[in-house]
Amino acid sequence: MNASRLSPHSAARLTAGMLLAAGCYAGLAALVMLVVRYSPLREHIPATTVYPLQIALFVHIVAAVVFLFAARRLRSKRAVALIVPRVLICLLALSSIVSIDLIVGIFYPPSVGLNSLYERHIERGWTNRPNAFARSWLAWIRFDGRGLRIHEDLLDPDPPGSTHILFVGDSVTLGYNLPARASFAWWTARMLNERHPQLDVEALNGGTCGYDMSQERNWFEEVGLGLDPDLVVLQFCMNDVAGQFDPTLPPSREQHVEIVLAEPPNDWSGIQRAIFDIRRRMKYGSDLREAARRIEHFTLEEVIGPEPPEHVQRALTYALEDIDRIRATAEKKRKPLLFVIFPIFAQLDDPSDPGRPQQKLCSFAESKGMHYLDLLPVYRRAIAEGATPQELLRDETHPSRLGHRVAARAIVEYIEKHNLLGELRPSTQSANDAP
């Protein structure tokens, strides 16, 4: 539009007309939202849509008042109106986009509940969302501002300590389907404090569901080192080999539950949320939670078998490379590192299983001069003392409450034996005496 071709009178009328139309639209939209929000219809509004509805209502009321007032004022400002149409067209276009985004956002509200535990990460695929609190399957999960798991009840926090043990791992470290105070990370700190109160240990639980070694390495380098731990405990599970993450592939990978569930890192746009949700549902179906359960699969039998396939051997090689990078990084920063290997249920259920992957991992750790702890013989000793495999592992890979305590006892005894937190005075209480 060329304002120089318009007379002042025509420009004023055009400007006022455009503002009047925008003001009427905003007012009508606000009226509809107002009726929906405060009429009996509100009983049918999902709780998740209340906040975006209120924001959209407020913005449209303000827009209606501003546009209608401006239309009246500019009708008499003919000289000013000559330069207004060109700017006004841009302003109204921007306002239309904002309006559409706000309205779409009512139907696609920000993610809450299970989805809110994770957010997208450009390198790791997903990461724990800082300050998130939600129920994940059978347990409530709360993360602090650093994405570390903390006790669910903010009124009963764990006290900060002067000695920090950083636990790096996947859902095993996190304490999958268990409260925070049931994880081996929490029990390790608890037992050490009972046996050596002078240490004042605090567990920093950096576990993230679904991570493999490449993601754990990235998290350790990007986040973990910045926490300045006194000791690093690196947890390994067999699905770190069978379920590896490939950051070069699109984010909607079928191998990972968290990719399906993670919310975008920029969750403020209704249009963005709509596109993200529509794409997910086109690929995974309308029930995302059921899809997440359905696509979670690992070929663990291939990992522990006598002749692992080539792709398993290749994945193990990649995992060892990432473990070595974590070791080298910790060594460079002079941070002691303990590598802890968890078994899977099939290995406990079959006493004749020789633990082939554990043998390879232990040989690798020895060649690199690493501190390492294989929990397969530890769990088998617990079975010999009367426990059952079902009492130690809840499923194929995740320890039970008892399994976490057994792991913590072994870790505590290793830390004491090898002076990983300095030379410790002998304790009168055995780690096995811990509750």
Protein backbone atom coordinates (compact mmCIF):
# COMPACT_ATOMS: atom_id res chain seq x y z
CA MET A 1 0.00 0.00 0.00
CA ASN A 2 1.33 3.43 -0.95
CA ALA A 3 0.19 6.05 1.57
CA SER A 4 1.22 8.89 -0.79
CA ARG A 5 -1.63 7.98 -3.16
CA LEU A 6 -4.24 8.34 -0.41
CA SER A 7 -5.82 11.61 0.63
CA PRO A 8 -5.69 12.36 4.37
CA HIS A 9 -9.42 11.68 4.60
CA SER A 10 -9.14 8.27 2.88
CA ALA A 11 -6.08 7.31 4.92
CA ALA A 12 -7.86 8.21 8.13
CA ARG A 13 -10.94 6.20 7.21
CA LEU A 14 -8.84 3.21 6.12
CA THR A 15 -6.80 3.31 9.31
CA ALA A 16 -9.84 3.64 11.53
CA GLY A 17 -11.63 0.86 9.65
CA MET A 18 -8.76 -1.56 10.06
CA LEU A 19 -8.47 -0.79 13.75
CA LEU A 20 -12.23 -1.08 14.20
CA ALA A 21 -12.26 -4.49 12.51
CA ALA A 22 -9.36 -5.70 14.66
CA GLY A 23 -11.00 -4.36 17.79
CA CYS A 24 -14.33 -6.04 17.00
CA TYR A 25 -12.58 -9.35 16.33
CA ALA A 26 -10.64 -9.16 19.58
CA GLY A 27 -13.78 -8.18 21.48
CA LEU A 28 -15.84 -11.00 19.97
CA ALA A 29 -13.10 -13.55 20.71
CA ALA A 30 -12.82 -12.27 24.28
CA LEU A 31 -16.60 -12.51 24.70
CA VAL A 32 -16.63 -16.15 23.59
CA MET A 33 -13.76 -16.97 25.96
CA LEU A 34 -15.49 -15.12 28.76
CA VAL A 35 -18.65 -17.15 28.28
CA VAL A 36 -16.72 -20.41 28.19
CA ARG A 37 -14.67 -19.51 31.25
CA TYR A 38 -17.41 -18.27 33.57
CA SER A 39 -20.57 -19.99 32.34
CA PRO A 40 -21.71 -23.50 33.34
CA LEU A 41 -19.54 -24.71 30.45
CA ARG A 42 -16.51 -24.27 32.71
CA GLU A 43 -17.31 -27.62 34.36
CA HIS A 44 -16.35 -29.32 31.10
CA ILE A 45 -13.04 -27.47 30.72
CA PRO A 46 -9.97 -29.64 31.42
CA ALA A 47 -7.82 -28.23 34.19
CA THR A 48 -4.84 -27.96 31.84
CA THR A 49 -6.65 -25.47 29.60
CA VAL A 50 -7.65 -22.99 32.31
CA TYR A 51 -4.35 -21.11 32.38
CA PRO A 52 -3.93 -20.68 28.57
CA LEU A 53 -7.63 -19.71 28.38
CA GLN A 54 -7.16 -16.98 30.98
CA ILE A 55 -4.05 -15.66 29.22
CA ALA A 56 -5.84 -15.57 25.86
CA LEU A 57 -8.87 -13.88 27.43
CA PHE A 58 -6.77 -11.17 29.03
CA VAL A 59 -4.74 -10.47 25.87
CA HIS A 60 -7.85 -10.22 23.68
CA ILE A 61 -9.62 -7.88 26.11
CA VAL A 62 -6.59 -5.58 26.16
CA ALA A 63 -6.31 -5.76 22.34
CA ALA A 64 -10.00 -4.91 21.91
CA VAL A 65 -9.74 -1.85 24.15
CA VAL A 66 -6.53 -0.62 22.51
CA PHE A 67 -7.72 -1.11 18.91
CA LEU A 68 -11.17 0.43 19.45
CA PHE A 69 -9.71 3.41 21.29
CA ALA A 70 -7.08 3.90 18.56
CA ALA A 71 -9.75 3.71 15.82
CA ARG A 72 -11.66 6.55 17.41
CA ARG A 73 -8.61 8.70 18.01
CA LEU A 74 -7.02 8.25 14.58
CA ARG A 75 -10.22 9.11 12.71
CA SER A 76 -9.54 12.77 13.47
CA LYS A 77 -5.74 12.59 13.03
CA ARG A 78 -5.60 12.88 9.26
CA ALA A 79 -2.00 14.00 9.01
CA VAL A 80 -0.83 11.16 11.22
CA ALA A 81 -3.07 8.71 9.39
CA LEU A 82 -1.04 9.17 6.21
CA ILE A 83 1.87 7.22 7.67
CA VAL A 84 -0.12 4.79 9.79
CA PRO A 85 -1.59 2.25 7.28
CA ARG A 86 1.75 0.73 6.29
CA VAL A 87 2.83 0.27 9.91
CA LEU A 88 -0.65 -0.80 10.90
CA ILE A 89 -0.75 -3.64 8.40
CA CYS A 90 2.41 -5.11 9.94
CA LEU A 91 1.04 -4.60 13.46
CA LEU A 92 -2.28 -6.28 12.64
CA ALA A 93 -0.54 -9.19 10.93
CA LEU A 94 1.57 -9.73 14.03
CA SER A 95 -1.49 -9.40 16.26
CA SER A 96 -3.34 -11.99 14.16
CA ILE A 97 -0.52 -14.48 14.58
CA VAL A 98 -0.44 -13.91 18.34
CA SER A 99 -4.23 -14.28 18.52
CA ILE A 100 -4.23 -17.53 16.55
CA ASP A 101 -1.37 -18.89 18.66
CA LEU A 102 -3.20 -18.09 21.89
CA ILE A 103 -6.44 -19.68 20.71
CA VAL A 104 -4.64 -22.79 19.43
CA GLY A 105 -2.84 -22.94 22.78
CA ILE A 106 -6.19 -23.37 24.54
CA PHE A 107 -6.75 -26.63 22.68
CA TYR A 108 -3.08 -27.67 23.00
CA PRO A 109 -2.12 -26.55 26.52
CA PRO A 110 1.41 -26.85 27.92
CA SER A 111 2.40 -30.39 28.85
CA VAL A 112 1.84 -31.50 32.42
CA GLY A 113 2.06 -34.73 34.35
CA LEU A 114 4.27 -37.47 32.95
CA ASN A 115 5.35 -35.47 29.92
CA SER A 116 6.67 -32.64 32.04
CA LEU A 117 9.50 -34.70 33.52
CA TYR A 118 11.57 -34.34 30.35
CA GLU A 119 12.40 -31.70 27.82
CA ARG A 120 14.15 -31.91 24.48
CA HIS A 121 17.92 -31.58 24.34
CA ILE A 122 19.70 -30.91 21.08
CA GLU A 123 22.54 -33.40 21.76
CA ARG A 124 21.13 -35.92 24.24
CA GLY A 125 17.64 -36.10 22.73
CA TRP A 126 15.99 -35.39 26.08
CA THR A 127 17.01 -34.37 29.57
CA ASN A 128 15.43 -34.03 32.99
CA ARG A 129 13.41 -30.84 33.14
CA PRO A 130 14.65 -28.60 35.97
CA ASN A 131 12.21 -28.20 38.87
CA ALA A 132 9.82 -30.76 37.36
CA PHE A 133 7.44 -32.69 39.60
CA ALA A 134 5.18 -35.40 38.20
CA ARG A 135 4.11 -38.98 38.57
CA SER A 136 6.04 -41.45 36.42
CA TRP A 137 4.19 -44.75 36.26
CA LEU A 138 4.28 -45.92 39.91
CA ALA A 139 6.29 -43.21 41.64
CA TRP A 140 6.41 -39.45 42.03
CA ILE A 141 9.54 -37.80 40.66
CA ARG A 142 10.91 -34.39 41.60
CA PHE A 143 13.95 -32.71 40.06
CA ASP A 144 15.76 -29.70 41.44
CA GLY A 145 16.92 -26.72 39.39
CA ARG A 146 19.88 -28.72 38.09
CA GLY A 147 17.77 -31.67 36.94
CA LEU A 148 18.93 -33.88 39.84
CA ARG A 149 16.42 -36.12 41.54
CA ILE A 150 15.51 -35.03 45.08
CA HIS A 151 13.03 -36.16 47.71
CA GLU A 152 9.44 -35.77 46.58
CA ASP A 153 8.32 -33.84 49.69
CA LEU A 154 9.79 -30.33 49.75
CA LEU A 155 8.79 -30.04 53.42
CA ASP A 156 11.14 -32.92 54.26
CA PRO A 157 14.28 -32.28 52.21
CA ASP A 158 17.53 -34.15 52.54
CA PRO A 159 20.08 -31.85 54.21
CA PRO A 160 22.96 -30.60 52.08
CA GLY A 161 26.30 -32.22 52.74
CA SER A 162 29.93 -31.22 52.50
CA THR A 163 31.01 -34.39 50.66
CA HIS A 164 29.29 -34.85 47.33
CA ILE A 165 28.96 -38.16 45.51
CA LEU A 166 27.67 -37.75 41.97
CA PHE A 167 25.74 -40.72 40.59
CA VAL A 168 25.66 -40.84 36.79
CA GLY A 169 23.40 -43.35 35.05
CA ASP A 170 20.01 -44.21 33.62
CA SER A 171 16.70 -45.24 35.20
CA VAL A 172 18.51 -47.66 37.51
CA THR A 173 20.35 -44.76 39.13
CA LEU A 174 17.22 -42.62 39.12
CA GLY A 175 15.33 -45.29 41.08
CA TYR A 176 12.75 -46.28 38.49
CA ASN A 177 9.23 -46.73 39.92
CA LEU A 178 10.53 -46.11 43.44
CA PRO A 179 10.68 -43.11 45.79
CA ALA A 180 13.91 -41.10 45.80
CA ARG A 181 14.81 -42.50 49.22
CA ALA A 182 14.73 -46.04 47.89
CA SER A 183 17.47 -45.57 45.27
CA PHE A 184 20.97 -46.96 45.76
CA ALA A 185 22.29 -43.41 45.43
CA TRP A 186 20.34 -42.28 48.50
CA TRP A 187 21.18 -45.46 50.43
CA THR A 188 24.89 -45.07 49.70
CA ALA A 189 24.90 -41.61 51.29
CA ARG A 190 22.75 -42.83 54.19
CA MET A 191 25.01 -45.77 54.99
CA LEU A 192 28.20 -43.74 54.71
CA ASN A 193 26.81 -41.07 57.03
CA GLU A 194 25.80 -43.72 59.57
CA ARG A 195 29.21 -45.36 59.46
CA HIS A 196 31.31 -42.20 59.04
CA PRO A 197 29.37 -39.13 60.25
CA GLN A 198 32.38 -36.91 59.70
CA LEU A 199 32.00 -37.31 55.94
CA ASP A 200 28.62 -35.53 55.82
CA VAL A 201 27.80 -37.15 52.46
CA GLU A 202 25.21 -35.81 50.04
CA ALA A 203 24.08 -37.92 47.07
CA LEU A 204 23.68 -36.05 43.78
CA ASN A 205 21.37 -38.29 41.75
CA GLY A 206 21.94 -37.50 38.08
CA GLY A 207 20.08 -40.54 36.75
CA THR A 208 18.00 -40.00 33.61
CA CYS A 209 15.53 -42.57 32.28
CA GLY A 210 16.53 -44.15 28.98
CA TYR A 211 20.09 -42.81 28.82
CA ASP A 212 22.93 -44.83 27.37
CA MET A 213 26.64 -44.18 27.84
CA SER A 214 26.89 -41.58 25.08
CA GLN A 215 24.17 -39.49 26.70
CA GLU A 216 25.61 -40.02 30.17
CA ARG A 217 29.01 -38.89 28.91
CA ASN A 218 27.50 -35.74 27.41
CA TRP A 219 25.57 -35.02 30.63
CA PHE A 220 28.66 -35.60 32.76
CA GLU A 221 30.76 -33.24 30.65
CA GLU A 222 28.06 -30.59 30.34
CA VAL A 223 26.45 -30.73 33.79
CA GLY A 224 28.07 -33.24 36.12
CA LEU A 225 31.56 -31.77 36.27
CA GLY A 226 30.10 -28.37 37.12
CA LEU A 227 28.72 -29.87 40.34
CA ASP A 228 32.31 -30.39 41.57
CA PRO A 229 31.76 -33.86 43.07
CA ASP A 230 34.21 -35.51 45.46
CA LEU A 231 33.45 -38.91 43.93
CA VAL A 232 31.72 -40.02 40.74
CA VAL A 233 29.78 -43.30 40.61
CA LEU A 234 29.10 -44.36 37.01
CA GLN A 235 26.33 -46.96 36.71
CA PHE A 236 26.12 -49.37 33.80
CA CYS A 237 23.24 -51.64 32.77
CA MET A 238 23.07 -54.08 29.88
CA ASN A 239 20.46 -51.98 28.09
CA ASP A 240 23.18 -49.32 27.71
CA VAL A 241 24.37 -51.61 24.92
CA ALA A 242 21.04 -52.83 23.56
CA GLY A 243 19.19 -49.53 23.52
CA GLN A 244 21.71 -47.00 22.30
CA PHE A 245 20.70 -43.49 21.33
CA ASP A 246 21.76 -42.10 17.96
CA PRO A 247 21.69 -38.27 18.01
CA THR A 248 21.98 -38.12 14.20
CA LEU A 249 18.49 -39.58 13.77
CA PRO A 250 15.24 -37.59 14.04
CA PRO A 251 13.95 -36.96 17.58
CA SER A 252 10.98 -39.30 17.13
CA ARG A 253 13.08 -42.44 17.51
CA GLU A 254 11.12 -45.57 18.17
CA GLN A 255 13.78 -46.97 20.51
CA HIS A 256 13.20 -44.47 23.31
CA VAL A 257 10.15 -43.84 25.45
CA GLU A 258 11.34 -40.43 26.60
CA ILE A 259 11.52 -39.04 23.06
CA VAL A 260 7.81 -39.77 22.70
CA LEU A 261 7.01 -38.20 26.06
CA ALA A 262 9.38 -35.24 26.13
CA GLU A 263 7.93 -31.80 25.71
CA PRO A 264 9.63 -29.24 23.46
CA PRO A 265 12.19 -27.03 25.27
CA ASN A 266 10.23 -23.94 24.14
CA ASP A 267 6.72 -24.77 25.28
CA TRP A 268 5.31 -21.23 25.17
CA SER A 269 3.79 -21.38 21.67
CA GLY A 270 0.37 -22.93 21.12
CA ILE A 271 1.05 -23.48 17.41
CA GLN A 272 4.35 -25.18 18.21
CA ARG A 273 2.66 -27.44 20.75
CA ALA A 274 -0.08 -28.30 18.24
CA ILE A 275 2.39 -29.23 15.48
CA PHE A 276 4.48 -31.24 17.94
CA ASP A 277 1.44 -33.11 19.26
CA ILE A 278 -0.05 -33.80 15.82
CA ARG A 279 3.26 -35.19 14.55
CA ARG A 280 3.61 -37.46 17.58
CA ARG A 281 0.09 -38.81 17.23
CA MET A 282 0.49 -39.38 13.49
CA LYS A 283 3.50 -41.57 14.22
CA TYR A 284 2.56 -43.23 17.51
CA GLY A 285 -1.26 -43.17 17.64
CA SER A 286 -3.68 -41.34 19.89
CA ASP A 287 -2.58 -42.99 23.15
CA LEU A 288 0.98 -41.80 23.65
CA ARG A 289 1.45 -43.53 26.99
CA GLU A 290 0.47 -46.90 25.55
CA ALA A 291 2.78 -46.23 22.61
CA ALA A 292 5.59 -45.48 25.02
CA ARG A 293 5.08 -48.82 26.74
CA ARG A 294 4.77 -50.66 23.44
CA ILE A 295 7.94 -49.36 21.80
CA GLU A 296 10.21 -49.83 24.81
CA HIS A 297 12.11 -52.91 23.83
CA PHE A 298 15.68 -54.10 24.22
CA THR A 299 17.43 -57.16 22.86
CA LEU A 300 19.03 -58.10 26.18
CA GLU A 301 19.20 -61.78 25.28
CA GLU A 302 21.53 -60.86 22.43
CA VAL A 303 23.77 -58.94 24.82
CA ILE A 304 24.31 -61.76 27.32
CA GLY A 305 24.35 -64.59 24.74
CA PRO A 306 27.47 -66.64 23.98
CA GLU A 307 27.87 -65.13 20.51
CA PRO A 308 26.59 -61.54 20.44
CA PRO A 309 25.61 -60.33 16.95
CA GLU A 310 27.83 -57.87 15.16
CA HIS A 311 25.56 -54.91 15.95
CA VAL A 312 25.74 -55.76 19.67
CA GLN A 313 29.53 -56.00 19.58
CA ARG A 314 29.66 -52.68 17.75
CA ALA A 315 27.34 -51.10 20.32
CA LEU A 316 29.52 -52.44 23.15
CA THR A 317 32.57 -50.90 21.49
CA TYR A 318 30.82 -47.53 21.35
CA ALA A 319 29.83 -47.86 25.01
CA LEU A 320 33.41 -48.66 26.02
CA GLU A 321 34.65 -45.62 24.14
CA ASP A 322 32.20 -43.41 26.04
CA ILE A 323 33.17 -45.01 29.36
CA ASP A 324 36.81 -44.32 28.58
CA ARG A 325 36.03 -40.68 27.78
CA ILE A 326 34.21 -40.32 31.09
CA ARG A 327 37.20 -41.92 32.85
CA ALA A 328 39.66 -39.61 31.11
CA THR A 329 37.57 -36.52 31.87
CA ALA A 330 37.23 -37.46 35.54
CA GLU A 331 40.94 -38.24 35.75
CA LYS A 332 41.86 -34.93 34.17
CA LYS A 333 39.72 -33.12 36.74
CA ARG A 334 41.13 -35.34 39.50
CA LYS A 335 37.76 -36.78 40.40
CA PRO A 336 37.78 -40.38 41.67
CA LEU A 337 35.52 -42.62 39.60
CA LEU A 338 33.81 -45.89 40.52
CA PHE A 339 32.33 -47.91 37.67
CA VAL A 340 29.39 -50.04 38.88
CA ILE A 341 27.92 -52.80 36.65
CA PHE A 342 24.36 -53.98 37.30
CA PRO A 343 23.17 -57.42 36.15
CA ILE A 344 19.82 -58.22 34.53
CA PHE A 345 17.15 -60.63 35.72
CA ALA A 346 18.03 -63.39 33.26
CA GLN A 347 21.51 -63.58 34.75
CA LEU A 348 20.15 -63.98 38.27
CA ASP A 349 17.49 -66.48 37.21
CA ASP A 350 20.13 -68.67 35.55
CA PRO A 351 22.97 -69.44 38.02
CA SER A 352 25.01 -70.99 35.21
CA ASP A 353 25.19 -67.73 33.26
CA PRO A 354 28.89 -66.79 33.25
CA GLY A 355 28.29 -63.05 32.93
CA ARG A 356 30.06 -62.64 29.60
CA PRO A 357 29.40 -58.90 29.16
CA GLN A 358 30.51 -58.29 32.75
CA GLN A 359 33.76 -60.10 32.03
CA LYS A 360 34.43 -57.84 29.04
CA LEU A 361 33.55 -54.72 31.02
CA CYS A 362 35.71 -55.72 33.98
CA SER A 363 38.65 -56.56 31.73
CA PHE A 364 38.30 -53.19 30.04
CA ALA A 365 38.14 -51.38 33.40
CA GLU A 366 41.25 -53.21 34.62
CA SER A 367 43.14 -52.29 31.47
CA LYS A 368 42.33 -48.63 32.08
CA GLY A 369 43.19 -48.74 35.78
CA MET A 370 39.60 -47.97 36.79
CA HIS A 371 37.87 -48.72 40.04
CA TYR A 372 35.00 -51.06 39.18
CA LEU A 373 32.39 -53.14 40.97
CA ASP A 374 30.52 -56.03 39.35
CA LEU A 375 27.22 -56.55 41.18
CA LEU A 376 26.43 -59.92 39.59
CA PRO A 377 28.35 -61.91 42.25
CA VAL A 378 26.99 -59.55 44.91
CA TYR A 379 23.40 -60.29 43.94
CA ARG A 380 24.13 -64.00 43.65
CA ARG A 381 25.50 -63.99 47.20
CA ALA A 382 22.26 -62.34 48.32
CA ILE A 383 20.33 -65.14 46.57
CA ALA A 384 22.53 -67.74 48.31
CA GLU A 385 21.61 -66.09 51.62
CA GLY A 386 17.90 -66.46 50.96
CA ALA A 387 16.76 -63.70 48.61
CA THR A 388 15.09 -64.53 45.31
CA PRO A 389 15.75 -62.91 41.91
CA GLN A 390 12.22 -61.45 42.05
CA GLU A 391 13.04 -59.80 45.39
CA LEU A 392 16.16 -58.16 43.96
CA LEU A 393 14.89 -56.99 40.55
CA ARG A 394 11.41 -55.64 39.81
CA ASP A 395 11.72 -56.39 36.10
CA GLU A 396 14.41 -57.31 33.61
CA THR A 397 16.74 -54.44 34.52
CA HIS A 398 15.46 -52.39 37.50
CA PRO A 399 16.33 -53.24 41.10
CA SER A 400 13.70 -53.46 43.82
CA ARG A 401 14.01 -51.65 47.14
CA LEU A 402 16.04 -54.59 48.43
CA GLY A 403 18.12 -54.67 45.26
CA HIS A 404 19.02 -51.00 45.67
CA ARG A 405 20.06 -51.53 49.32
CA VAL A 406 22.18 -54.54 48.41
CA ALA A 407 23.92 -52.49 45.71
CA ALA A 408 24.47 -49.58 48.09
CA ARG A 409 26.08 -51.83 50.72
CA ALA A 410 28.53 -53.18 48.17
CA ILE A 411 29.36 -49.66 46.96
CA VAL A 412 29.94 -48.44 50.52
CA GLU A 413 32.26 -51.34 51.29
CA TYR A 414 34.20 -50.71 48.08
CA ILE A 415 34.55 -47.00 48.88
CA GLU A 416 35.87 -47.84 52.33
CA LYS A 417 38.23 -50.56 51.15
CA HIS A 418 39.79 -48.44 48.41
CA ASN A 419 39.74 -45.09 50.26
CA LEU A 420 37.83 -43.33 47.49
CA LEU A 421 36.78 -40.63 49.95
CA GLY A 422 40.06 -40.54 51.81
CA GLU A 423 41.26 -42.86 54.52
CA LEU A 424 38.31 -43.76 56.72
CA ARG A 425 38.48 -44.94 60.31
CA PRO A 426 37.19 -48.47 60.77
CA SER A 427 33.51 -48.51 61.62
CA THR A 428 31.89 -50.67 64.27
CA GLN A 429 28.81 -51.01 62.08
CA SER A 430 28.82 -53.24 59.02
CA ALA A 431 27.18 -52.01 55.86
CA ASN A 432 24.97 -55.07 56.13
CA ASP A 433 23.61 -53.73 59.41
CA ALA A 434 22.09 -50.71 57.70
CA PRO A 435 18.30 -50.76 57.71
